[in-house]
C-alpha atoms as a PDB file:
ATOM      1  CA  MET A   1      -9.492  20.013   3.728  1.00  0.00           C
ATOM      2  CA  ARG A   2      -7.509  21.279   6.707  1.00  0.00           C
ATOM      3  CA  ARG A   3      -4.338  19.443   7.750  1.00  0.00           C
ATOM      4  CA  ARG A   4      -5.857  18.236  11.032  1.00  0.00           C
ATOM      5  CA  ASP A   5      -8.948  16.973   9.200  1.00  0.00           C
ATOM      6  CA  ILE A   6      -6.687  14.820   7.029  1.00  0.00           C
ATOM      7  CA  LEU A   7      -4.986  13.430  10.108  1.00  0.00           C
ATOM      8  CA  VAL A   8      -8.235  12.667  11.863  1.00  0.00           C
ATOM      9  CA  GLY A   9      -9.853  11.281   8.736  1.00  0.00           C
ATOM     10  CA  ALA A  10      -7.112   8.781   7.882  1.00  0.00           C
ATOM     11  CA  ALA A  11      -4.677   8.581  10.746  1.00  0.00           C
ATOM     12  CA  GLY A  12      -7.352   8.764  13.400  1.00  0.00           C
ATOM     13  CA  LEU A  13      -8.625   5.365  12.339  1.00  0.00           C
ATOM     14  CA  ALA A  14      -5.409   3.802  13.559  1.00  0.00           C
ATOM     15  CA  GLY A  15      -5.125   5.392  16.925  1.00  0.00           C
ATOM     16  CA  CYS A  16      -4.592   9.149  16.942  1.00  0.00           C
ATOM     17  CA  ALA A  17      -8.118  10.160  17.870  1.00  0.00           C
ATOM     18  CA  SER A  18      -8.890   7.012  19.808  1.00  0.00           C
ATOM     19  CA  MET A  19      -5.877   7.520  22.044  1.00  0.00           C
ATOM     20  CA  GLY A  20      -7.146  10.913  23.130  1.00  0.00           C
ATOM     21  CA  GLU A  21      -4.686  12.962  21.095  1.00  0.00           C
ATOM     22  CA  SER A  22      -7.209  15.547  19.995  1.00  0.00           C
ATOM     23  CA  SER A  23      -5.267  18.623  21.027  1.00  0.00           C
ATOM     24  CA  ALA A  24      -1.950  17.745  19.409  1.00  0.00           C
ATOM     25  CA  MET A  25      -1.877  15.003  16.798  1.00  0.00           C
ATOM     26  CA  ARG A  26       1.139  12.743  17.209  1.00  0.00           C
ATOM     27  CA  PRO A  27       2.968  11.515  14.109  1.00  0.00           C
ATOM     28  CA  ILE A  28       1.636   8.387  12.476  1.00  0.00           C
ATOM     29  CA  VAL A  29       3.870   5.385  11.788  1.00  0.00           C
ATOM     30  CA  ILE A  30       3.714   3.924   8.289  1.00  0.00           C
ATOM     31  CA  ALA A  31       5.222   0.444   7.964  1.00  0.00           C
ATOM     32  CA  HIS A  32       7.409   0.800   4.886  1.00  0.00           C
ATOM     33  CA  ARG A  33       6.744  -2.373   2.879  1.00  0.00           C
ATOM     34  CA  GLY A  34       5.775  -3.924   6.199  1.00  0.00           C
ATOM     35  CA  ALA A  35       8.235  -4.503   9.031  1.00  0.00           C
ATOM     36  CA  SER A  36      10.930  -4.865   6.394  1.00  0.00           C
ATOM     37  CA  ALA A  37      13.828  -4.499   8.833  1.00  0.00           C
ATOM     38  CA  TYR A  38      12.777  -7.895  10.215  1.00  0.00           C
ATOM     39  CA  ARG A  39      11.060  -9.814   7.393  1.00  0.00           C
ATOM     40  CA  PRO A  40      11.339  -9.902   3.586  1.00  0.00           C
ATOM     41  CA  GLU A  41       9.459  -6.863   2.344  1.00  0.00           C
ATOM     42  CA  HIS A  42       5.990  -6.904   0.841  1.00  0.00           C
ATOM     43  CA  THR A  43       4.962 -10.209   2.350  1.00  0.00           C
ATOM     44  CA  LEU A  44       1.917 -10.819   4.504  1.00  0.00           C
ATOM     45  CA  ALA A  45       4.341 -11.840   7.266  1.00  0.00           C
ATOM     46  CA  ALA A  46       6.025  -8.420   7.078  1.00  0.00           C
ATOM     47  CA  TYR A  47       2.658  -6.660   7.167  1.00  0.00           C
ATOM     48  CA  ARG A  48       1.412  -8.775  10.083  1.00  0.00           C
ATOM     49  CA  LEU A  49       4.545  -8.078  12.119  1.00  0.00           C
ATOM     50  CA  ALA A  50       4.230  -4.358  11.412  1.00  0.00           C
ATOM     51  CA  ILE A  51       0.682  -4.410  12.732  1.00  0.00           C
ATOM     52  CA  GLN A  52       1.841  -6.253  15.856  1.00  0.00           C
ATOM     53  CA  GLN A  53       4.523  -3.582  16.337  1.00  0.00           C
ATOM     54  CA  GLY A  54       1.946  -0.799  16.383  1.00  0.00           C
ATOM     55  CA  ALA A  55       2.074   0.596  12.844  1.00  0.00           C
ATOM     56  CA  TYR A  56      -0.836   2.847  11.966  1.00  0.00           C
ATOM     57  CA  PHE A  57      -0.594   1.976   8.260  1.00  0.00           C
ATOM     58  CA  ILE A  58       0.946  -0.780   6.178  1.00  0.00           C
ATOM     59  CA  GLU A  59       2.436   0.321   2.871  1.00  0.00           C
ATOM     60  CA  PRO A  60       2.211  -1.908  -0.215  1.00  0.00           C
ATOM     61  CA  ASP A  61       3.859  -0.881  -3.486  1.00  0.00           C
ATOM     62  CA  LEU A  62       1.585  -1.955  -6.334  1.00  0.00           C
ATOM     63  CA  VAL A  63       2.451  -3.363  -9.752  1.00  0.00           C
ATOM     64  CA  MET A  64       0.302  -5.484 -12.089  1.00  0.00           C
ATOM     65  CA  THR A  65       0.227  -8.992 -13.467  1.00  0.00           C
ATOM     66  CA  ARG A  66      -0.393  -9.767 -17.134  1.00  0.00           C
ATOM     67  CA  ASP A  67      -4.004 -10.533 -16.331  1.00  0.00           C
ATOM     68  CA  GLY A  68      -4.530  -7.194 -14.596  1.00  0.00           C
ATOM     69  CA  VAL A  69      -4.215  -7.996 -10.884  1.00  0.00           C
ATOM     70  CA  LEU A  70      -2.518  -5.549  -8.517  1.00  0.00           C
ATOM     71  CA  VAL A  71       0.219  -7.260  -6.478  1.00  0.00           C
ATOM     72  CA  CYS A  72       2.626  -6.057  -3.814  1.00  0.00           C
ATOM     73  CA  ARG A  73       6.229  -5.673  -4.997  1.00  0.00           C
ATOM     74  CA  HIS A  74       8.724  -2.835  -4.661  1.00  0.00           C
ATOM     75  CA  GLU A  75       9.351  -2.949  -8.403  1.00  0.00           C
ATOM     76  CA  ASN A  76       7.928  -4.787 -11.371  1.00  0.00           C
ATOM     77  CA  GLU A  77      11.365  -6.420 -11.882  1.00  0.00           C
ATOM     78  CA  ILE A  78      11.397  -9.258  -9.344  1.00  0.00           C
ATOM     79  CA  SER A  79      14.723 -11.089  -9.555  1.00  0.00           C
ATOM     80  CA  GLY A  80      15.854  -9.427  -6.313  1.00  0.00           C
ATOM     81  CA  THR A  81      12.705 -10.107  -4.304  1.00  0.00           C
ATOM     82  CA  THR A  82      11.630 -13.595  -5.436  1.00  0.00           C
ATOM     83  CA  ASP A  83      13.214 -16.913  -6.391  1.00  0.00           C
ATOM     84  CA  VAL A  84      12.222 -16.510 -10.041  1.00  0.00           C
ATOM     85  CA  ALA A  85      15.846 -16.764 -11.236  1.00  0.00           C
ATOM     86  CA  THR A  86      16.025 -20.321  -9.876  1.00  0.00           C
ATOM     87  CA  ARG A  87      12.872 -21.486 -11.658  1.00  0.00           C
ATOM     88  CA  PRO A  88      13.715 -23.335 -14.908  1.00  0.00           C
ATOM     89  CA  GLU A  89      10.121 -23.103 -16.107  1.00  0.00           C
ATOM     90  CA  PHE A  90      10.466 -19.319 -16.325  1.00  0.00           C
ATOM     91  CA  VAL A  91      13.982 -19.013 -17.762  1.00  0.00           C
ATOM     92  CA  GLU A  92      12.607 -17.827 -21.114  1.00  0.00           C
ATOM     93  CA  ARG A  93      10.754 -14.956 -19.429  1.00  0.00           C
ATOM     94  CA  ARG A  94      13.999 -13.109 -18.685  1.00  0.00           C
ATOM     95  CA  ALA A  95      13.953  -9.913 -20.716  1.00  0.00           C
ATOM     96  CA  GLU A  96      15.459  -6.459 -21.032  1.00  0.00           C
ATOM     97  CA  LYS A  97      13.087  -3.543 -20.548  1.00  0.00           C
ATOM     98  CA  THR A  98      13.279   0.198 -20.120  1.00  0.00           C
ATOM     99  CA  VAL A  99      11.038   1.545 -17.367  1.00  0.00           C
ATOM    100  CA  ASP A 100      10.888   5.277 -16.755  1.00  0.00           C
ATOM    101  CA  GLY A 101      14.142   5.732 -18.646  1.00  0.00           C
ATOM    102  CA  GLN A 102      16.030   3.018 -16.752  1.00  0.00           C
ATOM    103  CA  THR A 103      17.048  -0.150 -18.599  1.00  0.00           C
ATOM    104  CA  ALA A 104      17.342  -3.448 -16.740  1.00  0.00           C
ATOM    105  CA  THR A 105      17.318  -7.154 -17.479  1.00  0.00           C
ATOM    106  CA  GLY A 106      15.304  -9.544 -15.376  1.00  0.00           C
ATOM    107  CA  TRP A 107      11.838 -10.957 -14.822  1.00  0.00           C
ATOM    108  CA  TRP A 108       8.840  -8.650 -14.874  1.00  0.00           C
ATOM    109  CA  VAL A 109       5.533  -8.968 -13.060  1.00  0.00           C
ATOM    110  CA  GLU A 110       3.549  -7.864 -16.105  1.00  0.00           C
ATOM    111  CA  ASP A 111       4.857 -10.935 -17.986  1.00  0.00           C
ATOM    112  CA  PHE A 112       3.268 -13.338 -15.457  1.00  0.00           C
ATOM    113  CA  THR A 113      -0.319 -14.264 -14.742  1.00  0.00           C
ATOM    114  CA  LEU A 114      -1.344 -14.194 -11.112  1.00  0.00           C
ATOM    115  CA  VAL A 115      -1.427 -17.997 -11.016  1.00  0.00           C
ATOM    116  CA  GLU A 116       2.160 -18.138 -12.277  1.00  0.00           C
ATOM    117  CA  LEU A 117       3.337 -15.397  -9.931  1.00  0.00           C
ATOM    118  CA  LYS A 118       1.823 -17.163  -6.944  1.00  0.00           C
ATOM    119  CA  THR A 119       4.163 -20.127  -7.544  1.00  0.00           C
ATOM    120  CA  LEU A 120       7.162 -17.903  -6.739  1.00  0.00           C
ATOM    121  CA  ARG A 121       8.478 -17.354  -3.232  1.00  0.00           C
ATOM    122  CA  ALA A 122       9.652 -14.091  -1.704  1.00  0.00           C
ATOM    123  CA  LYS A 123      13.181 -13.472  -0.503  1.00  0.00           C
ATOM    124  CA  GLU A 124      15.110 -10.726   1.287  1.00  0.00           C
ATOM    125  CA  ARG A 125      16.029  -7.826  -1.008  1.00  0.00           C
ATOM    126  CA  LEU A 126      18.987  -6.582   1.105  1.00  0.00           C
ATOM    127  CA  PRO A 127      20.732  -9.739   2.339  1.00  0.00           C
ATOM    128  CA  GLN A 128      24.068  -7.969   2.841  1.00  0.00           C
ATOM    129  CA  LEU A 129      22.490  -5.542   5.314  1.00  0.00           C
ATOM    130  CA  ARG A 130      19.792  -7.841   6.705  1.00  0.00           C
ATOM    131  CA  PRO A 131      21.215 -11.378   6.722  1.00  0.00           C
ATOM    132  CA  ALA A 132      18.863 -12.462   9.538  1.00  0.00           C
ATOM    133  CA  ASN A 133      15.914 -11.891   7.207  1.00  0.00           C
ATOM    134  CA  THR A 134      17.172 -14.548   4.817  1.00  0.00           C
ATOM    135  CA  ALA A 135      16.005 -17.166   7.334  1.00  0.00           C
ATOM    136  CA  PHE A 136      12.501 -16.344   6.084  1.00  0.00           C
ATOM    137  CA  ASP A 137      13.325 -16.704   2.381  1.00  0.00           C
ATOM    138  CA  GLY A 138      10.955 -19.023   0.578  1.00  0.00           C
ATOM    139  CA  GLN A 139       8.221 -18.951   3.220  1.00  0.00           C
ATOM    140  CA  GLU A 140       5.848 -16.453   1.619  1.00  0.00           C
ATOM    141  CA  ASP A 141       4.322 -15.858  -1.785  1.00  0.00           C
ATOM    142  CA  VAL A 142       3.618 -12.533  -3.509  1.00  0.00           C
ATOM    143  CA  PRO A 143       0.445 -11.054  -1.985  1.00  0.00           C
ATOM    144  CA  THR A 144      -2.218  -9.281  -3.974  1.00  0.00           C
ATOM    145  CA  PHE A 145      -3.402  -5.810  -3.055  1.00  0.00           C
ATOM    146  CA  GLU A 146      -6.758  -7.340  -2.224  1.00  0.00           C
ATOM    147  CA  GLU A 147      -5.073  -9.656   0.305  1.00  0.00           C
ATOM    148  CA  ALA A 148      -3.116  -6.796   1.883  1.00  0.00           C
ATOM    149  CA  LEU A 149      -6.237  -4.663   2.094  1.00  0.00           C
ATOM    150  CA  ALA A 150      -8.193  -7.472   3.749  1.00  0.00           C
ATOM    151  CA  LEU A 151      -5.387  -7.926   6.281  1.00  0.00           C
ATOM    152  CA  ALA A 152      -5.348  -4.210   7.137  1.00  0.00           C
ATOM    153  CA  ARG A 153      -9.114  -4.013   7.448  1.00  0.00           C
ATOM    154  CA  GLY A 154      -9.283  -7.095   9.610  1.00  0.00           C
ATOM    155  CA  ALA A 155      -6.639  -5.685  11.935  1.00  0.00           C
ATOM    156  CA  GLY A 156      -8.234  -2.231  12.095  1.00  0.00           C
ATOM    157  CA  VAL A 157      -5.259  -0.365  10.639  1.00  0.00           C
ATOM    158  CA  GLY A 158      -4.934   1.790   7.556  1.00  0.00           C
ATOM    159  CA  ILE A 159      -3.300   1.003   4.233  1.00  0.00           C
ATOM    160  CA  TYR A 160      -1.071   3.337   2.229  1.00  0.00           C
ATOM    161  CA  PRO A 161      -0.603   1.939  -1.307  1.00  0.00           C
ATOM    162  CA  GLU A 162       1.862   3.338  -3.817  1.00  0.00           C
ATOM    163  CA  LEU A 163       1.078   3.103  -7.522  1.00  0.00           C
ATOM    164  CA  LYS A 164       4.355   2.177  -9.230  1.00  0.00           C
ATOM    165  CA  HIS A 165       5.079   3.185 -12.831  1.00  0.00           C
ATOM    166  CA  PRO A 166       1.461   3.814 -13.916  1.00  0.00           C
ATOM    167  CA  THR A 167       2.528   5.385 -17.232  1.00  0.00           C
ATOM    168  CA  PHE A 168       4.717   2.395 -18.140  1.00  0.00           C
ATOM    169  CA  LEU A 169       1.978  -0.042 -17.175  1.00  0.00           C
ATOM    170  CA  ARG A 170      -0.588   1.859 -19.214  1.00  0.00           C
ATOM    171  CA  GLU A 171       1.736   1.518 -22.216  1.00  0.00           C
ATOM    172  CA  GLN A 172       1.571  -2.255 -21.604  1.00  0.00           C
ATOM    173  CA  GLY A 173      -2.231  -2.116 -21.674  1.00  0.00           C
ATOM    174  CA  LEU A 174      -2.596  -2.203 -17.865  1.00  0.00           C
ATOM    175  CA  ASP A 175      -4.427   0.531 -15.932  1.00  0.00           C
ATOM    176  CA  ALA A 176      -3.218   0.429 -12.330  1.00  0.00           C
ATOM    177  CA  THR A 177      -5.315   3.409 -11.252  1.00  0.00           C
ATOM    178  CA  ALA A 178      -8.555   1.867 -12.488  1.00  0.00           C
ATOM    179  CA  ALA A 179      -7.612  -1.443 -10.879  1.00  0.00           C
ATOM    180  CA  LEU A 180      -7.028   0.287  -7.532  1.00  0.00           C
ATOM    181  CA  VAL A 181     -10.408   1.969  -7.738  1.00  0.00           C
ATOM    182  CA  GLY A 182     -12.046  -1.350  -8.593  1.00  0.00           C
ATOM    183  CA  VAL A 183     -10.568  -3.157  -5.601  1.00  0.00           C
ATOM    184  CA  VAL A 184     -11.567  -0.363  -3.230  1.00  0.00           C
ATOM    185  CA  GLN A 185     -15.097  -0.141  -4.613  1.00  0.00           C
ATOM    186  CA  ALA A 186     -15.536  -3.903  -4.314  1.00  0.00           C
ATOM    187  CA  ALA A 187     -14.282  -3.795  -0.706  1.00  0.00           C
ATOM    188  CA  GLY A 188     -16.672  -1.059   0.406  1.00  0.00           C
ATOM    189  CA  GLY A 189     -15.969   2.161  -1.487  1.00  0.00           C
ATOM    190  CA  GLN A 190     -15.723   5.366   0.499  1.00  0.00           C
ATOM    191  CA  ALA A 191     -15.527   3.638   3.876  1.00  0.00           C
ATOM    192  CA  VAL A 192     -12.398   1.860   2.636  1.00  0.00           C
ATOM    193  CA  ALA A 193     -10.888   4.960   1.007  1.00  0.00           C
ATOM    194  CA  ASP A 194     -11.344   6.856   4.267  1.00  0.00           C
ATOM    195  CA  ARG A 195      -8.801   4.491   5.794  1.00  0.00           C
ATOM    196  CA  MET A 196      -6.206   5.025   3.083  1.00  0.00           C
ATOM    197  CA  PHE A 197      -3.653   7.363   1.653  1.00  0.00           C
ATOM    198  CA  VAL A 198      -2.731   6.749  -2.025  1.00  0.00           C
ATOM    199  CA  GLN A 199       0.727   7.827  -3.186  1.00  0.00           C
ATOM    200  CA  CYS A 200       2.632   8.069  -6.451  1.00  0.00           C
ATOM    201  CA  PHE A 201       5.793   9.699  -7.824  1.00  0.00           C
ATOM    202  CA  GLU A 202       3.888  10.526 -10.996  1.00  0.00           C
ATOM    203  CA  THR A 203       1.266  13.254 -11.086  1.00  0.00           C
ATOM    204  CA  GLY A 204      -1.373  11.893 -13.466  1.00  0.00           C
ATOM    205  CA  ALA A 205      -2.573   9.038 -11.297  1.00  0.00           C
ATOM    206  CA  ILE A 206      -2.951  11.350  -8.309  1.00  0.00           C
ATOM    207  CA  GLU A 207      -4.879  13.889 -10.369  1.00  0.00           C
ATOM    208  CA  THR A 208      -7.164  11.179 -11.780  1.00  0.00           C
ATOM    209  CA  LEU A 209      -8.078  10.041  -8.279  1.00  0.00           C
ATOM    210  CA  ALA A 210      -8.500  13.603  -7.005  1.00  0.00           C
ATOM    211  CA  ARG A 211     -10.977  14.377  -9.823  1.00  0.00           C
ATOM    212  CA  MET A 212     -13.212  11.414  -9.026  1.00  0.00           C
ATOM    213  CA  SER A 213     -16.668  12.277  -7.770  1.00  0.00           C
ATOM    214  CA  SER A 214     -17.700   8.790  -6.658  1.00  0.00           C
ATOM    215  CA  ILE A 215     -14.905   8.406  -4.063  1.00  0.00           C
ATOM    216  CA  ARG A 216     -12.939  11.054  -2.175  1.00  0.00           C
ATOM    217  CA  TRP A 217      -9.280  10.065  -1.976  1.00  0.00           C
ATOM    218  CA  GLN A 218      -6.496  11.279   0.283  1.00  0.00           C
ATOM    219  CA  CYS A 219      -3.748  11.716  -2.289  1.00  0.00           C
ATOM    220  CA  VAL A 220      -0.052  11.966  -1.475  1.00  0.00           C
ATOM    221  CA  GLN A 221       2.456  13.254  -4.003  1.00  0.00           C
ATOM    222  CA  LEU A 222       5.841  11.557  -3.642  1.00  0.00           C
ATOM    223  CA  LEU A 223       8.868  13.802  -4.193  1.00  0.00           C
ATOM    224  CA  SER A 224      12.591  13.065  -4.350  1.00  0.00           C
ATOM    225  CA  ALA A 225      15.514  15.356  -3.648  1.00  0.00           C
ATOM    226  CA  SER A 226      16.382  15.230  -7.361  1.00  0.00           C
ATOM    227  CA  GLY A 227      14.651  14.556 -10.645  1.00  0.00           C
ATOM    228  CA  GLY A 228      10.993  14.976 -11.415  1.00  0.00           C
ATOM    229  CA  PRO A 229       7.820  13.044 -12.250  1.00  0.00           C
ATOM    230  CA  TRP A 230       8.160  10.734 -15.247  1.00  0.00           C
ATOM    231  CA  ASP A 231       4.799  11.771 -16.651  1.00  0.00           C
ATOM    232  CA  ARG A 232       5.608  15.485 -16.445  1.00  0.00           C
ATOM    233  CA  ARG A 233       9.066  15.662 -17.928  1.00  0.00           C
ATOM    234  CA  GLY A 234      10.577  19.129 -17.782  1.00  0.00           C
ATOM    235  CA  THR A 235       9.113  19.671 -14.301  1.00  0.00           C
ATOM    236  CA  THR A 236      11.363  19.025 -11.306  1.00  0.00           C
ATOM    237  CA  TYR A 237      10.401  18.013  -7.796  1.00  0.00           C
ATOM    238  CA  ALA A 238      12.267  21.102  -6.579  1.00  0.00           C
ATOM    239  CA  GLU A 239       9.911  23.289  -8.606  1.00  0.00           C
ATOM    240  CA  MET A 240       6.923  21.415  -7.222  1.00  0.00           C
ATOM    241  CA  LEU A 241       8.143  22.174  -3.693  1.00  0.00           C
ATOM    242  CA  SER A 242       8.385  25.911  -4.272  1.00  0.00           C
ATOM    243  CA  ASP A 243       5.579  28.012  -2.820  1.00  0.00           C
ATOM    244  CA  ASP A 244       3.982  28.274  -6.262  1.00  0.00           C
ATOM    245  CA  GLY A 245       4.408  24.537  -6.766  1.00  0.00           C
ATOM    246  CA  LEU A 246       2.772  23.759  -3.431  1.00  0.00           C
ATOM    247  CA  ARG A 247      -0.227  25.877  -4.348  1.00  0.00           C
ATOM    248  CA  ALA A 248      -0.481  24.134  -7.715  1.00  0.00           C
ATOM    249  CA  MET A 249      -0.433  20.688  -6.074  1.00  0.00           C
ATOM    250  CA  ARG A 250      -3.087  21.751  -3.611  1.00  0.00           C
ATOM    251  CA  ASP A 251      -5.253  22.997  -6.470  1.00  0.00           C
ATOM    252  CA  ARG A 252      -4.871  19.608  -8.188  1.00  0.00           C
ATOM    253  CA  GLY A 253      -6.249  17.835  -5.126  1.00  0.00           C
ATOM    254  CA  VAL A 254      -3.041  16.676  -3.420  1.00  0.00           C
ATOM    255  CA  THR A 255      -3.505  16.453   0.358  1.00  0.00           C
ATOM    256  CA  GLY A 256      -0.116  15.143   1.505  1.00  0.00           C
ATOM    257  CA  LEU A 257       3.564  15.153   0.592  1.00  0.00           C
ATOM    258  CA  GLY A 258       5.705  12.025   0.809  1.00  0.00           C
ATOM    259  CA  VAL A 259       9.182  13.521   0.677  1.00  0.00           C
ATOM    260  CA  GLU A 260      12.676  12.091   0.660  1.00  0.00           C
ATOM    261  CA  LYS A 261      13.933  12.631   4.176  1.00  0.00           C
ATOM    262  CA  SER A 262      16.908  14.772   3.122  1.00  0.00           C
ATOM    263  CA  LEU A 263      14.395  17.417   2.064  1.00  0.00           C
ATOM    264  CA  VAL A 264      13.438  17.775   5.743  1.00  0.00           C
ATOM    265  CA  ILE A 265      16.806  17.213   7.419  1.00  0.00           C
ATOM    266  CA  PRO A 266      19.658  17.439   4.905  1.00  0.00           C
ATOM    267  CA  ARG A 267      23.214  16.190   5.360  1.00  0.00           C
ATOM    268  CA  ASP A 268      26.572  17.784   4.665  1.00  0.00           C
ATOM    269  CA  ALA A 269      29.323  16.361   2.455  1.00  0.00           C
ATOM    270  CA  ALA A 270      30.568  14.230   5.366  1.00  0.00           C
ATOM    271  CA  GLY A 271      27.131  12.707   5.878  1.00  0.00           C
ATOM    272  CA  ARG A 272      26.360  14.577   9.081  1.00  0.00           C
ATOM    273  CA  SER A 273      22.946  16.089   9.784  1.00  0.00           C
ATOM    274  CA  LEU A 274      22.319  19.748   9.062  1.00  0.00           C
ATOM    275  CA  PRO A 275      19.540  21.886  10.583  1.00  0.00           C
ATOM    276  CA  ALA A 276      16.023  21.139   9.393  1.00  0.00           C
ATOM    277  CA  THR A 277      14.765  23.043   6.381  1.00  0.00           C
ATOM    278  CA  ASP A 278      11.584  25.117   6.291  1.00  0.00           C
ATOM    279  CA  LEU A 279       9.771  22.560   4.123  1.00  0.00           C
ATOM    280  CA  VAL A 280       7.501  21.236   6.877  1.00  0.00           C
ATOM    281  CA  SER A 281       6.347  24.667   7.983  1.00  0.00           C
ATOM    282  CA  ARG A 282       5.733  25.792   4.396  1.00  0.00           C
ATOM    283  CA  ALA A 283       3.846  22.593   3.601  1.00  0.00           C
ATOM    284  CA  HIS A 284       1.710  22.939   6.721  1.00  0.00           C
ATOM    285  CA  ALA A 285       0.926  26.541   5.844  1.00  0.00           C
ATOM    286  CA  ALA A 286      -0.272  25.304   2.440  1.00  0.00           C
ATOM    287  CA  GLY A 287      -2.509  22.692   4.079  1.00  0.00           C
ATOM    288  CA  PHE A 288      -0.504  19.494   3.512  1.00  0.00           C
ATOM    289  CA  VAL A 289       0.561  16.697   5.804  1.00  0.00           C
ATOM    290  CA  VAL A 290       4.227  15.670   5.450  1.00  0.00           C
ATOM    291  CA  HIS A 291       5.388  12.040   5.612  1.00  0.00           C
ATOM    292  CA  PRO A 292       9.150  11.631   4.934  1.00  0.00           C
ATOM    293  CA  TRP A 293      10.760   8.411   3.709  1.00  0.00           C
ATOM    294  CA  THR A 294      12.523   6.210   4.613  1.00  0.00           C
ATOM    295  CA  MET A 295      13.600   5.671   8.234  1.00  0.00           C
ATOM    296  CA  ARG A 296      15.894   2.648   8.561  1.00  0.00           C
ATOM    297  CA  PRO A 297      17.895   1.498  11.592  1.00  0.00           C
ATOM    298  CA  GLU A 298      21.150   0.324  10.007  1.00  0.00           C
ATOM    299  CA  ASN A 299      24.287   2.473  10.149  1.00  0.00           C
ATOM    300  CA  TYR A 300      24.349   2.436   6.347  1.00  0.00           C
ATOM    301  CA  PHE A 301      21.234   4.619   6.251  1.00  0.00           C
ATOM    302  CA  LEU A 302      21.870   6.840   9.280  1.00  0.00           C
ATOM    303  CA  PRO A 303      23.690  10.176   9.423  1.00  0.00           C
ATOM    304  CA  ALA A 304      27.344   9.847  10.363  1.00  0.00           C
ATOM    305  CA  GLU A 305      26.930  11.205  13.899  1.00  0.00           C
ATOM    306  CA  LEU A 306      24.334   8.549  14.754  1.00  0.00           C
ATOM    307  CA  ARG A 307      26.269   5.499  13.594  1.00  0.00           C
ATOM    308  CA  LEU A 308      27.327   3.181  16.410  1.00  0.00           C
ATOM    309  CA  GLY A 309      29.929   0.433  16.758  1.00  0.00           C
ATOM    310  CA  ASP A 310      33.429  -0.240  15.475  1.00  0.00           C
ATOM    311  CA  ALA A 311      33.810   1.424  12.081  1.00  0.00           C
ATOM    312  CA  SER A 312      36.522  -1.087  11.150  1.00  0.00           C
ATOM    313  CA  ALA A 313      34.265  -4.100  11.762  1.00  0.00           C
ATOM    314  CA  PRO A 314      33.167  -5.928   8.601  1.00  0.00           C
ATOM    315  CA  ASP A 315      29.521  -5.742   9.667  1.00  0.00           C
ATOM    316  CA  TYR A 316      29.642  -2.084  10.724  1.00  0.00           C
ATOM    317  CA  MET A 317      27.236  -0.828   8.081  1.00  0.00           C
ATOM    318  CA  ARG A 318      24.558  -3.374   8.961  1.00  0.00           C
ATOM    319  CA  GLN A 319      24.795  -2.740  12.693  1.00  0.00           C
ATOM    320  CA  HIS A 320      21.984  -0.642  14.145  1.00  0.00           C
ATOM    321  CA  GLY A 321      22.887   2.896  15.127  1.00  0.00           C
ATOM    322  CA  ASP A 322      21.070   5.471  17.234  1.00  0.00           C
ATOM    323  CA  PHE A 323      17.913   5.162  15.175  1.00  0.00           C
ATOM    324  CA  ALA A 324      15.738   6.601  17.932  1.00  0.00           C
ATOM    325  CA  ALA A 325      17.680   9.857  17.787  1.00  0.00           C
ATOM    326  CA  GLU A 326      17.048  10.226  14.067  1.00  0.00           C
ATOM    327  CA  LEU A 327      13.355   9.560  14.536  1.00  0.00           C
ATOM    328  CA  ARG A 328      13.125  12.097  17.362  1.00  0.00           C
ATOM    329  CA  ALA A 329      14.818  14.691  15.175  1.00  0.00           C
ATOM    330  CA  PHE A 330      12.184  14.254  12.485  1.00  0.00           C
ATOM    331  CA  TYR A 331       9.356  14.354  15.003  1.00  0.00           C
ATOM    332  CA  ALA A 332      10.857  17.547  16.408  1.00  0.00           C
ATOM    333  CA  ALA A 333      10.910  18.979  12.872  1.00  0.00           C
ATOM    334  CA  GLY A 334       7.116  18.701  12.896  1.00  0.00           C
ATOM    335  CA  VAL A 335       6.464  15.886  10.430  1.00  0.00           C
ATOM    336  CA  ASP A 336       3.024  14.298  10.522  1.00  0.00           C
ATOM    337  CA  GLY A 337       4.265  10.747  10.087  1.00  0.00           C
ATOM    338  CA  VAL A 338       7.211   8.661   8.950  1.00  0.00           C
ATOM    339  CA  PHE A 339       7.757   5.708   6.669  1.00  0.00           C
ATOM    340  CA  SER A 340       9.814   3.264   8.702  1.00  0.00           C
ATOM    341  CA  ASP A 341      11.301  -0.189   8.034  1.00  0.00           C
ATOM    342  CA  ALA A 342      11.200  -0.734  11.803  1.00  0.00           C
ATOM    343  CA  PRO A 343       7.728   0.308  12.965  1.00  0.00           C
ATOM    344  CA  ASP A 344       8.411  -0.712  16.558  1.00  0.00           C
ATOM    345  CA  ALA A 345      11.256   1.798  16.843  1.00  0.00           C
ATOM    346  CA  ALA A 346       9.206   4.543  15.206  1.00  0.00           C
ATOM    347  CA  VAL A 347       6.337   3.949  17.629  1.00  0.00           C
ATOM    348  CA  ALA A 348       8.654   3.903  20.651  1.00  0.00           C
ATOM    349  CA  ALA A 349      10.460   7.104  19.620  1.00  0.00           C
ATOM    350  CA  ARG A 350       7.193   9.055  19.658  1.00  0.00           C
ATOM    351  CA  SER A 351       7.296   8.852  23.460  1.00  0.00           C
END
């Protein structure tokens, strides 16, 4: 599949083709966990606002309940994104687990049924940086993937789910990949998949989807600036991004790369932007679309030269900097889309 075919097939649904951009496809805007700069992430309210702001896709991260339902949470440990720690009825559920080599203590989605999980209420994950979002704490529950998909379809936008920790979940007796396929088949099969990208940091889930004959998937391999896929230990993301690695991913059915943004525009030791790398051009030559993550408006996340305000002010890091300039730099680097916490800014910067 050629790079433009991928863009027209998935991104075109949300506006590229319909807006008459046939000669030069403009970058798509992917609402990272919804409009999470303005609402607690992975709530239907965050997804709805992102759609209102012009996002082409909403992006739910998917984990699984004990009874096998895909739900939208950034991680399967939920003490930072729900009020579970305040619920006496669940105090005994607190547990220590090791997920992908990282040990943490908290409450875990796979230890709750969907009915139990639905009693919890979402809260802002980054209250120090986004205190205004805490006004919405407690207003929303944890949505299912099915609910997020229905919202996207009803609004005429795409959906861009990420399968989180599929190897760990499989070890718990939960098959996230099969559950994803089941939801999509029940919702309409190929017509639904045509309006999706599916992403994962692991390789096995992507390869499983790419090998399917019943549904053709647009599969995006996620890659960080360090480390490597948990299910292919001994392989690094850097190796996967070499020319040989790109060819190998293409041969395994990967159609897009979701890359940490420093792989496109790196920063020096002082946190200032350096010239763009050749990753985008090499990826395009290999037939991939490139969607870097994550664009966020706060000074804390921006390169040093784009931070605005009084550096001595106590709220300096949560103030918004020249976010539009960062977005324009990535668009100028030739990316095919961006994951953004502020979809409205990402849409505006395309002009």
